[in-house]
């Protein structure tokens, strides 16, 4: 019986540690880059408006090293064609935040 309680207690401690590691408040904040992969893209097509009035985009984006990935996200307004956008992407939640940036703010690998 003591072994069962010991194993159960150990599992609870391990679970709590994993919860704290993966779900810290700063990682859950959409506009905080902590724990997220930052991608960069250019708006080259108009967004598709859905029934909620949001504009959906499906674009090819690049990380700081120039690695390509197809990402989808939505915005509450139509984004300007030709605008450079920085996207915060998580493995589970996808794109959590976007913001428009200038060409000079792009990493060198992405500029090329």
Protein backbone atom coordinates (compact mmCIF):
# COMPACT_ATOMS: atom_id res chain seq x y z
CA UNK A 1 0.00 0.00 0.00
CA UNK A 2 2.89 2.36 0.78
CA UNK A 3 4.34 1.73 -2.68
CA UNK A 4 1.06 2.73 -4.33
CA UNK A 5 0.97 6.00 -2.38
CA UNK A 6 4.62 6.66 -3.18
CA UNK A 7 4.10 6.07 -6.92
CA UNK A 8 0.91 8.17 -6.93
CA UNK A 9 2.65 11.02 -5.11
CA UNK A 10 5.59 10.86 -7.49
CA UNK A 11 3.26 10.99 -10.52
CA UNK A 12 1.49 14.03 -9.07
CA UNK A 13 4.80 15.84 -8.50
CA UNK A 14 6.03 15.03 -12.01
CA UNK A 15 2.70 16.15 -13.50
CA UNK A 16 2.81 19.44 -11.58
CA UNK A 17 6.38 20.11 -12.74
CA UNK A 18 5.43 19.46 -16.37
CA UNK A 19 2.36 21.70 -16.02
CA UNK A 20 4.49 24.55 -14.64
CA UNK A 21 7.09 24.09 -17.40
CA UNK A 22 4.66 24.01 -20.33
CA UNK A 23 1.91 26.34 -19.12
CA UNK A 24 3.64 29.29 -17.47
CA UNK A 25 1.63 32.53 -17.78
CA UNK A 26 4.14 34.21 -20.09
CA UNK A 27 3.96 31.28 -22.52
CA UNK A 28 0.17 31.47 -22.54
CA UNK A 29 0.08 35.21 -23.29
CA UNK A 30 -0.58 35.49 -27.05
CA UNK A 31 1.65 38.51 -27.73
CA UNK A 32 4.65 37.25 -25.75
CA UNK A 33 7.28 35.43 -27.88
CA UNK A 34 8.40 33.25 -24.93
CA UNK A 35 7.93 29.60 -25.86
CA UNK A 36 6.83 30.43 -29.40
CA UNK A 37 8.52 30.19 -32.78
CA UNK A 38 8.63 33.53 -34.60
CA UNK A 39 7.88 33.43 -38.34
CA UNK A 40 7.86 36.20 -40.93
CA UNK A 41 5.73 36.57 -44.04
CA UNK A 42 4.42 39.12 -46.51
CA UNK A 43 0.74 39.68 -47.22
CA UNK A 44 0.43 38.97 -50.95
CA UNK A 45 -3.25 38.05 -51.22
CA UNK A 46 -6.46 39.36 -49.67
CA UNK A 47 -7.84 37.54 -46.66
CA UNK A 48 -11.03 35.50 -46.87
CA UNK A 49 -13.75 36.90 -44.63
CA UNK A 50 -15.60 34.32 -42.54
CA UNK A 51 -19.07 34.43 -40.96
CA UNK A 52 -17.65 36.10 -37.82
CA UNK A 53 -16.21 39.01 -39.79
CA UNK A 54 -12.57 37.90 -39.35
CA UNK A 55 -10.17 37.68 -42.26
CA UNK A 56 -8.36 34.36 -42.71
CA UNK A 57 -4.92 34.05 -44.27
CA UNK A 58 -3.00 30.93 -45.37
CA UNK A 59 0.55 32.01 -46.20
CA UNK A 60 4.08 30.69 -46.50
CA UNK A 61 6.21 32.02 -43.63
CA UNK A 62 9.90 31.78 -42.73
CA UNK A 63 11.67 31.55 -39.37
CA UNK A 64 14.91 33.43 -38.46
CA UNK A 65 17.00 30.76 -40.21
CA UNK A 66 14.96 30.92 -43.42
CA UNK A 67 13.12 27.62 -42.91
CA UNK A 68 9.78 27.63 -44.73
CA UNK A 69 6.42 26.67 -43.20
CA UNK A 70 2.79 27.09 -44.30
CA UNK A 71 0.80 28.92 -41.57
CA UNK A 72 -2.80 29.95 -41.23
CA UNK A 73 -4.07 32.79 -39.04
CA UNK A 74 -6.89 35.29 -38.82
CA UNK A 75 -7.15 39.02 -38.24
CA UNK A 76 -10.00 41.28 -37.21
CA UNK A 77 -9.31 43.60 -40.15
CA UNK A 78 -8.04 43.13 -43.69
CA UNK A 79 -4.26 43.40 -43.78
CA UNK A 80 -2.51 45.73 -46.20
CA UNK A 81 -1.18 44.02 -49.33
CA UNK A 82 2.63 44.07 -49.31
CA UNK A 83 2.86 44.37 -45.52
CA UNK A 84 5.53 42.37 -43.69
CA UNK A 85 4.08 40.46 -40.75
CA UNK A 86 5.71 38.78 -37.75
CA UNK A 87 3.79 35.72 -36.50
CA UNK A 88 4.10 34.01 -33.10
CA UNK A 89 3.41 30.30 -33.60
CA UNK A 90 3.00 27.50 -31.04
CA UNK A 91 2.94 23.79 -31.68
CA UNK A 92 -0.54 23.21 -30.25
CA UNK A 93 -2.35 26.55 -30.61
CA UNK A 94 -0.92 27.68 -33.95
CA UNK A 95 -0.49 31.41 -34.58
CA UNK A 96 -1.38 33.28 -31.38
CA UNK A 97 -0.34 36.80 -32.36
CA UNK A 98 0.69 38.81 -35.40
CA UNK A 99 2.10 42.28 -35.87
CA UNK A 100 3.14 44.34 -38.88
CA UNK A 101 6.84 45.16 -39.12
CA UNK A 102 9.14 46.93 -41.58
CA UNK A 103 11.50 45.28 -44.06
CA UNK A 104 14.50 46.41 -41.98
CA UNK A 105 13.17 44.49 -38.95
CA UNK A 106 13.25 41.18 -40.87
CA UNK A 107 16.16 38.84 -40.10
CA UNK A 108 18.79 38.77 -42.85
CA UNK A 109 18.01 35.16 -43.81
CA UNK A 110 14.35 36.12 -44.35
CA UNK A 111 15.17 39.28 -46.31
CA UNK A 112 16.99 37.19 -48.92
